[in-house]
Amino acid sequence: MRNNGHKTLAGRTLYIHPMTRGGARLLAAVFRSAGVDARVLPPSNDETLELGAMYSSGEECYPEKITVGDYLRITRTPGFDPAKTAFLMPASNGPCRFGQYWPFLQMVLNRAGLEEVMILSPSSSTGYGDVVQDSNAFFRLGWNALLSADILRKMLLKTRPYERVKGSADAVYERSLERLERALETPGLGFGARRKRMVEALTQSRDDFRGVDADYAPGKPLIAVLGEIFCRLNRFANDDMLRTLEEYGAETWISDVGEWVFYTDWSRMDNMRRQGRGFSKDMAVAHIKRYIMKRDEHALMAPFHDDFTGYEEPEDTDVVVRLGQDYLPARGALGEMALSLGRAGYCHGKGVDGIVDISPFSCMNGIVSEAVYPSFSRDHDNIPCRVFYYDGVIRDMDRDIGIFMELVKGYMARKKIRRVYPAVYR
C-alpha cells in the first residue's frame, strides 16, 4: 500500500476514478461502509485531456492521461485541500504501463506542489490492510460490489437496444445502482446480512429490467466487445462506442471486470506451478480464495439464470485460455491480448455476429491482437473482427463502423452457430 509514509485516510476524502461508473460507485459505497468518505470523480471532459496532456510527454497511454487529468481537475475545485484528500490508484505488476500509473501520478502531484495528497495504491500483495481491520472481509465485499456492477451493466446492454421508450433502460440502471449503493454503504452489518440485502436489491433490479417496455424480436446482431480493460469499459475513453453500435442496430456483449480479476488469479497460480510451488501453502490459499470468489459470483448471478441464457460467462479462466491457445498462448502472451483471443473464440461459440476490440492507441495488447485476428477470423467462419484505437483525437468513425456492420450482416446470413435467446423474453 502506497500511502505517502505517515499519511492515513482519517479526515480525508477518497476520490475513486470511474473506469466503470457503476463499479466505482459501488466500490465507493464499500469504502463508506468502513467509515471512509469516498466519492466518485465527476465525468471526464475536455479539461481532463487538457490537464493530462499538460503534465505528460505523449509517451503515456491514453487511460493514464485520462486518470491523471481527472485527478488534477479535482485539485482545481474551489476549497480543495490536499491535506484532506486521497486518490485511489491501484498498483499492478507485469508488462503493461498500468504499473506506472501511481508513481507517475505521484510525480505529477509533486511537480504541482500537491505533495500532501495521499495516493492509496493497493496491490495484489498488500490489499487493504492499511484501511480496515479485516482486510479479507473488505476485499470480499469489494469483489461482490464489482460483480454486482458487472451484472447490472449486462442487464442494461441486453435490454437497452430493444426498449420502445428511449432512456427507460438507462433509468432502471440508475435506480438499480442507487439501490445497491444503499445496500452496501450501511455501516455495522456483517457480510451475510449485507450480501442478503445485495441479492434482494439485484432481484428487484432484475424485475425492473424485465418490466421495461421492449420488443425482443430476434435477429438483431450481437457484437462481442473485447480489448484493453479501461478503454473498452470507460465511455469517455471510447467515445461511447457501445451506444454507437446500438445506434447502428446492434446489441453488445462486453467483457466485464470480473473476467480480469479471475485472470490475474489464474496467472498468479500458474506462476506458482511453474516455480514448483504447486503444493505450497500459498497455492492452497489461492485455491480457497478462488473457490470463495466463484461461490460469490454464483450467489449473485442466481436470480438472473433465465435472463442470461445465451449470455453465460465462461465457468473458468482455463476455458478462455484454452480457446486462445492456438493464437496467443497465455503463458507467453500476458494480459488482455491472450484474454481477447480466447474470449473471441468463446463468444464465437455462443453465436455472436462480430468482434470489436477497443484499445488505446499504441497499446501492445491491441497491436498484437490485431495482428492475429485475421488468422482467428479465417478459422472461425470468417467472422468480422475489427480493432478500434482511441487516443483522444476527435475523428469520424461512421465509415469504419458502417463497413464493419455491413460485414456483420453478411456473416449473419451464412454463420453456422446460431445464438440462443433467453426464454423469459420470448
Protein backbone atom coordinates (compact mmCIF):
# COMPACT_ATOMS: atom_id res chain seq x y z
CA MET A 1 0.00 0.00 0.00
CA ARG A 2 1.47 3.31 -1.03
CA ASN A 3 0.16 5.90 1.39
CA ASN A 4 2.84 8.58 1.35
CA GLY A 5 4.59 7.45 4.51
CA HIS A 6 2.82 8.70 7.64
CA LYS A 7 -0.44 9.72 5.97
CA THR A 8 -3.71 7.92 6.64
CA LEU A 9 -7.27 8.17 5.35
CA ALA A 10 -8.53 9.66 8.62
CA GLY A 11 -10.09 13.03 7.89
CA ARG A 12 -9.59 12.69 4.14
CA THR A 13 -11.99 12.41 1.22
CA LEU A 14 -11.07 9.48 -1.01
CA TYR A 15 -11.74 10.02 -4.72
CA ILE A 16 -12.20 6.99 -6.97
CA HIS A 17 -11.72 7.13 -10.74
CA PRO A 18 -14.65 5.65 -12.68
CA MET A 19 -13.06 3.23 -15.10
CA THR A 20 -16.64 1.98 -14.98
CA ARG A 21 -19.02 4.44 -13.33
CA GLY A 22 -21.19 1.68 -11.87
CA GLY A 23 -18.25 -0.22 -10.41
CA ALA A 24 -16.72 2.96 -8.98
CA ARG A 25 -19.99 3.99 -7.35
CA LEU A 26 -20.45 0.62 -5.66
CA LEU A 27 -16.80 0.47 -4.58
CA ALA A 28 -17.15 3.95 -3.05
CA ALA A 29 -20.15 2.63 -1.12
CA VAL A 30 -17.99 -0.20 0.23
CA PHE A 31 -15.43 2.34 1.47
CA ARG A 32 -18.21 4.37 3.09
CA SER A 33 -19.37 1.25 4.94
CA ALA A 34 -15.88 1.24 6.53
CA GLY A 35 -16.19 4.87 7.59
CA VAL A 36 -14.24 6.38 4.69
CA ASP A 37 -15.64 9.47 2.97
CA ALA A 38 -15.40 8.03 -0.56
CA ARG A 39 -16.64 9.74 -3.70
CA VAL A 40 -16.52 9.09 -7.44
CA LEU A 41 -14.81 11.61 -9.69
CA PRO A 42 -17.16 13.58 -11.96
CA PRO A 43 -17.43 12.51 -15.62
CA SER A 44 -14.40 13.24 -17.79
CA ASN A 45 -14.49 16.19 -20.18
CA ASP A 46 -12.22 18.31 -22.41
CA GLU A 47 -10.40 19.70 -19.38
CA THR A 48 -9.45 16.12 -18.47
CA LEU A 49 -7.43 15.75 -21.66
CA GLU A 50 -6.05 19.28 -21.44
CA LEU A 51 -4.63 18.69 -17.96
CA GLY A 52 -3.50 15.16 -18.80
CA ALA A 53 -1.57 16.46 -21.81
CA MET A 54 -0.11 19.36 -19.82
CA TYR A 55 1.61 17.01 -17.38
CA SER A 56 2.58 14.20 -19.78
CA SER A 57 5.10 13.77 -22.56
CA GLY A 58 2.91 11.92 -25.06
CA GLU A 59 4.60 8.59 -24.36
CA GLU A 60 1.99 7.63 -21.77
CA CYS A 61 -1.03 5.55 -22.76
CA TYR A 62 -4.44 7.14 -23.18
CA PRO A 63 -6.02 5.74 -19.96
CA GLU A 64 -3.14 7.20 -17.95
CA LYS A 65 -3.71 10.64 -19.46
CA ILE A 66 -7.43 10.38 -18.58
CA THR A 67 -6.93 9.26 -14.98
CA VAL A 68 -4.23 11.83 -14.24
CA GLY A 69 -6.25 14.58 -15.91
CA ASP A 70 -9.36 13.74 -13.91
CA TYR A 71 -7.50 13.72 -10.60
CA LEU A 72 -5.89 17.06 -11.44
CA ARG A 73 -9.33 18.52 -12.15
CA ILE A 74 -10.32 17.84 -8.55
CA THR A 75 -7.29 19.77 -7.32
CA ARG A 76 -8.64 22.84 -9.14
CA THR A 77 -12.06 22.85 -7.50
CA PRO A 78 -12.84 25.68 -5.05
CA GLY A 79 -11.84 24.89 -1.46
CA PHE A 80 -9.64 21.93 -2.41
CA ASP A 81 -7.36 20.92 0.49
CA PRO A 82 -4.54 18.48 -0.37
CA ALA A 83 -4.10 17.56 3.30
CA LYS A 84 -7.71 16.31 3.36
CA THR A 85 -7.67 14.45 0.05
CA ALA A 86 -6.73 10.97 -1.14
CA PHE A 87 -6.75 9.43 -4.61
CA LEU A 88 -7.27 5.72 -5.28
CA MET A 89 -4.81 4.38 -7.85
CA PRO A 90 -4.30 0.59 -7.75
CA ALA A 91 -0.91 -0.96 -8.48
CA SER A 92 -0.02 -3.81 -10.81
CA ASN A 93 2.93 -5.92 -11.90
CA GLY A 94 3.62 -7.13 -15.40
CA PRO A 95 4.44 -5.62 -18.80
CA CYS A 96 1.51 -3.18 -19.03
CA ARG A 97 2.17 0.50 -18.36
CA PHE A 98 -0.62 0.41 -15.76
CA GLY A 99 2.03 -0.48 -13.18
CA GLN A 100 3.48 3.01 -13.68
CA TYR A 101 0.25 4.92 -13.10
CA TRP A 102 0.62 5.51 -9.38
CA PRO A 103 4.30 6.63 -9.41
CA PHE A 104 3.54 8.86 -12.40
CA LEU A 105 0.57 10.40 -10.57
CA GLN A 106 2.79 10.94 -7.51
CA MET A 107 5.40 12.67 -9.68
CA VAL A 108 2.75 14.92 -11.26
CA LEU A 109 1.33 15.89 -7.87
CA ASN A 110 4.81 16.69 -6.57
CA ARG A 111 5.50 18.88 -9.59
CA ALA A 112 2.24 20.70 -8.98
CA GLY A 113 3.10 21.32 -5.31
CA LEU A 114 0.47 18.89 -4.06
CA GLU A 115 2.70 16.51 -2.10
CA GLU A 116 0.20 16.35 0.76
CA VAL A 117 -2.34 14.47 -1.34
CA MET A 118 -2.34 10.81 -0.33
CA ILE A 119 -2.27 8.14 -3.04
CA LEU A 120 -3.98 4.96 -1.89
CA SER A 121 -2.48 2.27 -4.07
CA PRO A 122 -3.49 -1.25 -3.03
CA SER A 123 -1.64 -4.06 -4.76
CA SER A 124 -2.32 -7.77 -5.01
CA SER A 125 0.15 -8.38 -2.18
CA THR A 126 -0.88 -5.70 0.32
CA GLY A 127 -4.63 -5.46 -0.30
CA TYR A 128 -6.47 -3.07 2.00
CA GLY A 129 -4.74 -3.92 5.27
CA ASP A 130 -3.94 -0.27 5.94
CA VAL A 131 -7.57 0.81 5.51
CA VAL A 132 -9.66 -1.59 7.59
CA GLN A 133 -9.08 -4.10 10.37
CA ASP A 134 -10.49 -7.07 8.46
CA SER A 135 -8.96 -6.62 5.01
CA ASN A 136 -10.20 -10.02 3.78
CA ALA A 137 -13.83 -9.14 4.51
CA PHE A 138 -13.34 -5.71 2.94
CA PHE A 139 -11.83 -7.23 -0.21
CA ARG A 140 -14.66 -9.76 -0.44
CA LEU A 141 -17.29 -7.05 -0.14
CA GLY A 142 -15.50 -5.03 -2.81
CA TRP A 143 -15.43 -8.10 -5.05
CA ASN A 144 -19.18 -8.56 -4.59
CA ALA A 145 -19.68 -4.89 -5.42
CA LEU A 146 -17.74 -5.23 -8.69
CA LEU A 147 -19.66 -8.40 -9.58
CA SER A 148 -22.95 -6.59 -8.95
CA ALA A 149 -21.87 -3.73 -11.20
CA ASP A 150 -20.99 -6.24 -13.94
CA ILE A 151 -24.43 -7.85 -13.62
CA LEU A 152 -26.29 -4.55 -13.84
CA ARG A 153 -24.26 -3.49 -16.88
CA LYS A 154 -25.03 -6.79 -18.53
CA MET A 155 -28.76 -6.33 -17.92
CA LEU A 156 -28.58 -2.79 -19.29
CA LEU A 157 -26.80 -3.81 -22.50
CA LYS A 158 -29.18 -6.69 -23.22
CA THR A 159 -32.24 -4.51 -22.58
CA ARG A 160 -31.46 -1.05 -23.98
CA PRO A 161 -31.25 -1.99 -27.70
CA TYR A 162 -34.82 -3.34 -27.54
CA GLU A 163 -36.55 -0.63 -25.48
CA ARG A 164 -39.58 1.08 -27.01
CA VAL A 165 -39.20 4.25 -24.95
CA LYS A 166 -35.72 5.71 -25.31
CA GLY A 167 -33.97 6.15 -21.96
CA SER A 168 -36.13 3.72 -19.99
CA ALA A 169 -33.38 1.09 -19.59
CA ASP A 170 -30.88 3.75 -18.51
CA ALA A 171 -33.36 4.98 -15.90
CA VAL A 172 -33.72 1.46 -14.48
CA TYR A 173 -29.94 1.09 -14.44
CA GLU A 174 -29.55 4.33 -12.48
CA ARG A 175 -32.17 3.30 -9.90
CA SER A 176 -30.51 -0.11 -9.62
CA LEU A 177 -27.13 1.44 -8.80
CA GLU A 178 -28.73 3.66 -6.15
CA ARG A 179 -30.42 0.61 -4.63
CA LEU A 180 -27.13 -1.30 -4.46
CA GLU A 181 -25.32 1.73 -3.00
CA ARG A 182 -27.79 1.81 -0.12
CA ALA A 183 -27.33 -1.92 0.47
CA LEU A 184 -23.55 -1.59 0.54
CA GLU A 185 -22.85 1.64 2.41
CA THR A 186 -24.78 0.98 5.64
CA PRO A 187 -22.12 0.53 8.37
CA GLY A 188 -22.14 -2.13 11.06
CA LEU A 189 -23.56 -5.04 9.06
CA GLY A 190 -21.94 -8.47 8.87
CA PHE A 191 -21.09 -9.88 5.45
CA GLY A 192 -24.02 -12.31 5.44
CA ALA A 193 -26.61 -9.66 6.25
CA ARG A 194 -25.15 -7.22 3.76
CA ARG A 195 -24.99 -9.79 0.98
CA LYS A 196 -28.63 -10.71 1.63
CA ARG A 197 -29.52 -7.06 1.04
CA MET A 198 -27.46 -7.07 -2.14
CA VAL A 199 -29.25 -10.13 -3.54
CA GLU A 200 -32.61 -8.57 -2.69
CA ALA A 201 -31.57 -5.35 -4.42
CA LEU A 202 -30.35 -7.23 -7.50
CA THR A 203 -33.56 -9.27 -7.65
CA GLN A 204 -35.65 -6.08 -7.57
CA SER A 205 -33.44 -4.62 -10.30
CA ARG A 206 -33.92 -7.76 -12.39
CA ASP A 207 -37.68 -7.36 -12.13
CA ASP A 208 -37.41 -3.67 -13.07
CA PHE A 209 -35.39 -4.51 -16.18
CA ARG A 210 -37.90 -7.20 -17.10
CA GLY A 211 -40.60 -4.56 -16.76
CA VAL A 212 -39.05 -2.26 -19.40
CA ASP A 213 -41.39 -1.93 -22.38
CA ALA A 214 -39.31 -3.62 -25.06
CA ASP A 215 -39.59 -5.55 -28.30
CA TYR A 216 -37.26 -8.53 -28.04
CA ALA A 217 -37.65 -9.60 -31.66
CA PRO A 218 -34.79 -11.93 -32.68
CA GLY A 219 -32.41 -11.01 -35.47
CA LYS A 220 -30.52 -8.06 -34.03
CA PRO A 221 -26.75 -8.59 -34.49
CA LEU A 222 -24.85 -9.37 -31.28
CA ILE A 223 -21.35 -7.86 -31.12
CA ALA A 224 -18.72 -9.10 -28.65
CA VAL A 225 -16.71 -6.16 -27.29
CA LEU A 226 -13.19 -7.06 -26.16
CA GLY A 227 -9.83 -5.33 -25.75
CA GLU A 228 -7.97 -3.26 -23.17
CA ILE A 229 -9.97 -3.15 -19.97
CA PHE A 230 -10.04 0.62 -19.38
CA CYS A 231 -10.79 1.73 -22.93
CA ARG A 232 -13.48 -0.85 -23.55
CA LEU A 233 -15.31 -0.08 -20.28
CA ASN A 234 -14.86 3.68 -19.94
CA ARG A 235 -17.44 5.54 -22.02
CA PHE A 236 -15.35 8.70 -22.31
CA ALA A 237 -12.26 6.78 -23.44
CA ASN A 238 -14.11 5.03 -26.28
CA ASP A 239 -16.46 7.88 -27.26
CA ASP A 240 -19.41 5.79 -26.05
CA MET A 241 -18.74 3.14 -28.69
CA LEU A 242 -21.31 0.69 -27.27
CA ARG A 243 -24.12 3.20 -27.68
CA THR A 244 -22.86 3.99 -31.18
CA LEU A 245 -23.03 0.31 -32.13
CA GLU A 246 -26.57 0.23 -30.75
CA GLU A 247 -27.46 3.17 -32.99
CA TYR A 248 -26.27 1.06 -35.91
CA GLY A 249 -28.78 -1.61 -34.90
CA ALA A 250 -26.54 -3.89 -32.83
CA GLU A 251 -26.64 -5.37 -29.35
CA THR A 252 -23.33 -5.56 -27.45
CA TRP A 253 -21.86 -8.11 -25.04
CA ILE A 254 -18.81 -6.68 -23.29
CA SER A 255 -16.07 -8.47 -21.37
CA ASP A 256 -16.56 -7.43 -17.76
CA VAL A 257 -14.29 -6.52 -14.85
CA GLY A 258 -14.69 -9.91 -13.19
CA GLU A 259 -13.01 -11.63 -16.13
CA TRP A 260 -9.82 -9.65 -15.49
CA VAL A 261 -9.84 -10.38 -11.75
CA PHE A 262 -10.19 -14.11 -12.38
CA TYR A 263 -7.41 -13.94 -14.97
CA THR A 264 -4.96 -12.27 -12.57
CA ASP A 265 -5.63 -15.05 -10.03
CA TRP A 266 -5.17 -17.68 -12.74
CA SER A 267 -1.87 -16.08 -13.76
CA ARG A 268 -0.63 -15.98 -10.16
CA MET A 269 -1.45 -19.67 -9.66
CA ASP A 270 0.15 -20.61 -12.97
CA ASN A 271 3.35 -18.83 -11.95
CA MET A 272 3.43 -20.79 -8.69
CA ARG A 273 3.13 -24.07 -10.61
CA ARG A 274 5.99 -23.12 -12.91
CA GLN A 275 8.11 -22.25 -9.88
CA GLY A 276 7.50 -25.70 -8.38
CA ARG A 277 5.10 -24.38 -5.71
CA GLY A 278 2.05 -26.30 -6.89
CA PHE A 279 1.60 -27.90 -3.47
CA SER A 280 2.59 -24.94 -1.33
CA LYS A 281 0.66 -23.07 1.36
CA ASP A 282 0.32 -20.11 -0.99
CA MET A 283 -1.25 -22.33 -3.62
CA ALA A 284 -3.73 -23.73 -1.10
CA VAL A 285 -4.71 -20.20 -0.09
CA ALA A 286 -5.13 -19.24 -3.75
CA HIS A 287 -7.44 -22.23 -4.35
CA ILE A 288 -9.56 -21.31 -1.33
CA LYS A 289 -9.75 -17.69 -2.48
CA ARG A 290 -10.85 -18.70 -5.97
CA TYR A 291 -13.46 -21.06 -4.55
CA ILE A 292 -14.96 -18.29 -2.43
CA MET A 293 -14.90 -15.82 -5.33
CA LYS A 294 -16.70 -18.28 -7.63
CA ARG A 295 -19.24 -19.07 -4.91
CA ASP A 296 -19.95 -15.35 -4.50
CA GLU A 297 -20.36 -15.00 -8.25
CA HIS A 298 -22.87 -17.85 -8.38
CA ALA A 299 -24.86 -16.43 -5.46
CA LEU A 300 -25.21 -13.00 -7.06
CA MET A 301 -25.93 -14.40 -10.53
CA ALA A 302 -28.56 -16.90 -9.33
CA PRO A 303 -31.58 -14.56 -9.74
CA PHE A 304 -30.54 -13.93 -13.37
CA HIS A 305 -30.33 -17.55 -14.54
CA ASP A 306 -33.19 -17.22 -17.03
CA ASP A 307 -32.17 -13.71 -18.11
CA PHE A 308 -28.63 -14.70 -19.07
CA THR A 309 -29.47 -17.78 -21.12
CA GLY A 310 -27.28 -17.40 -24.18
CA TYR A 311 -25.05 -14.90 -22.36
CA GLU A 312 -23.40 -17.33 -19.95
CA GLU A 313 -19.90 -16.36 -18.86
CA PRO A 314 -17.05 -18.92 -19.04
CA GLU A 315 -17.07 -21.04 -15.91
CA ASP A 316 -13.29 -20.86 -15.56
CA THR A 317 -10.36 -18.88 -16.98
CA ASP A 318 -8.91 -22.17 -18.26
CA VAL A 319 -11.76 -22.24 -20.79
CA VAL A 320 -10.77 -18.86 -22.20
CA VAL A 321 -7.05 -19.65 -22.15
CA ARG A 322 -7.58 -22.91 -23.99
CA LEU A 323 -9.66 -21.30 -26.74
CA GLY A 324 -6.95 -18.72 -27.41
CA GLN A 325 -4.02 -21.13 -27.12
CA ASP A 326 -3.50 -21.60 -30.86
CA TYR A 327 -3.23 -17.84 -31.42
CA LEU A 328 -1.72 -16.25 -28.30
CA PRO A 329 -0.62 -18.77 -25.65
CA ALA A 330 -1.44 -17.28 -22.25
CA ARG A 331 1.85 -18.50 -20.77
CA GLY A 332 3.78 -16.37 -23.24
CA ALA A 333 1.45 -13.56 -24.25
CA LEU A 334 0.40 -11.95 -20.98
CA GLY A 335 -2.52 -9.64 -20.37
CA GLU A 336 -5.59 -8.64 -22.36
CA MET A 337 -4.22 -9.92 -25.68
CA ALA A 338 -4.48 -13.55 -24.52
CA LEU A 339 -7.89 -12.94 -23.00
CA SER A 340 -9.18 -11.17 -26.10
CA LEU A 341 -8.38 -14.04 -28.45
CA GLY A 342 -9.72 -16.64 -26.04
CA ARG A 343 -12.85 -14.61 -25.38
CA ALA A 344 -13.34 -14.14 -29.12
CA GLY A 345 -13.34 -17.93 -29.51
CA TYR A 346 -15.78 -18.33 -26.63
CA CYS A 347 -18.17 -15.71 -28.00
CA HIS A 348 -17.99 -17.24 -31.48
CA GLY A 349 -19.20 -20.46 -29.89
CA LYS A 350 -22.15 -18.55 -28.38
CA GLY A 351 -23.25 -17.33 -31.80
CA VAL A 352 -22.12 -13.68 -31.79
CA ASP A 353 -22.09 -11.90 -35.14
CA GLY A 354 -18.93 -9.82 -34.88
CA ILE A 355 -15.90 -9.00 -32.73
CA VAL A 356 -14.94 -5.43 -31.77
CA ASP A 357 -11.63 -4.85 -29.96
CA ILE A 358 -11.28 -1.46 -28.24
CA SER A 359 -7.75 -0.39 -27.28
CA PRO A 360 -5.73 2.75 -26.60
CA PHE A 361 -3.54 3.93 -29.47
CA SER A 362 -0.06 2.33 -29.19
CA CYS A 363 -1.26 -0.30 -26.68
CA MET A 364 0.70 -3.50 -27.21
CA ASN A 365 -2.37 -5.62 -26.39
CA GLY A 366 -4.35 -4.11 -29.23
CA ILE A 367 -1.44 -4.18 -31.69
CA VAL A 368 -0.63 -7.84 -31.05
CA SER A 369 -4.30 -8.86 -31.09
CA GLU A 370 -4.88 -7.01 -34.37
CA ALA A 371 -2.04 -8.93 -35.99
CA VAL A 372 -3.64 -12.25 -35.01
CA TYR A 373 -7.35 -11.57 -35.61
CA PRO A 374 -7.13 -12.31 -39.40
CA SER A 375 -5.95 -15.87 -38.65
CA PHE A 376 -8.61 -16.23 -35.98
CA SER A 377 -11.30 -15.00 -38.37
CA ARG A 378 -10.30 -17.46 -41.11
CA ASP A 379 -10.53 -20.32 -38.64
CA HIS A 380 -13.95 -19.19 -37.37
CA ASP A 381 -16.15 -18.87 -40.46
CA ASN A 382 -14.59 -15.51 -41.36
CA ILE A 383 -16.37 -13.76 -38.52
CA PRO A 384 -15.80 -9.97 -38.80
CA CYS A 385 -13.15 -8.69 -36.37
CA ARG A 386 -12.27 -5.02 -36.05
CA VAL A 387 -9.87 -3.15 -33.74
CA PHE A 388 -10.73 0.45 -32.86
CA TYR A 389 -7.97 2.59 -31.34
CA TYR A 390 -8.54 5.69 -29.23
CA ASP A 391 -6.15 8.49 -28.24
CA GLY A 392 -8.43 11.45 -27.51
CA VAL A 393 -8.32 12.83 -31.04
CA ILE A 394 -11.80 13.53 -32.39
CA ARG A 395 -12.44 11.52 -35.54
CA ASP A 396 -15.42 10.41 -37.58
CA MET A 397 -15.70 6.63 -37.28
CA ASP A 398 -19.04 6.35 -39.07
CA ARG A 399 -17.45 4.98 -42.24
CA ASP A 400 -15.45 2.30 -40.41
CA ILE A 401 -18.37 1.28 -38.21
CA GLY A 402 -20.71 1.24 -41.20
CA ILE A 403 -18.38 -1.05 -43.17
CA PHE A 404 -17.98 -3.33 -40.16
CA MET A 405 -21.74 -3.60 -39.68
CA GLU A 406 -22.22 -4.47 -43.37
CA LEU A 407 -19.73 -7.32 -42.91
CA VAL A 408 -21.67 -8.37 -39.81
CA LYS A 409 -24.91 -8.57 -41.79
CA GLY A 410 -23.24 -10.75 -44.40
CA TYR A 411 -21.84 -13.03 -41.73
CA MET A 412 -25.26 -13.38 -40.07
CA ALA A 413 -26.68 -14.79 -43.28
CA ARG A 414 -24.08 -17.55 -43.54
CA LYS A 415 -22.96 -18.26 -39.98
CA LYS A 416 -23.04 -21.82 -38.70
CA ILE A 417 -23.61 -21.24 -34.99
CA ARG A 418 -26.92 -19.63 -34.04
CA ARG A 419 -27.30 -17.67 -30.83
CA VAL A 420 -29.66 -18.74 -28.05
CA TYR A 421 -32.18 -16.25 -26.68
CA PRO A 422 -33.46 -16.09 -23.07
CA ALA A 423 -36.78 -17.94 -22.75
CA VAL A 424 -38.04 -15.31 -20.31
CA TYR A 425 -38.32 -12.79 -23.17
CA ARG A 426 -39.88 -14.97 -25.84
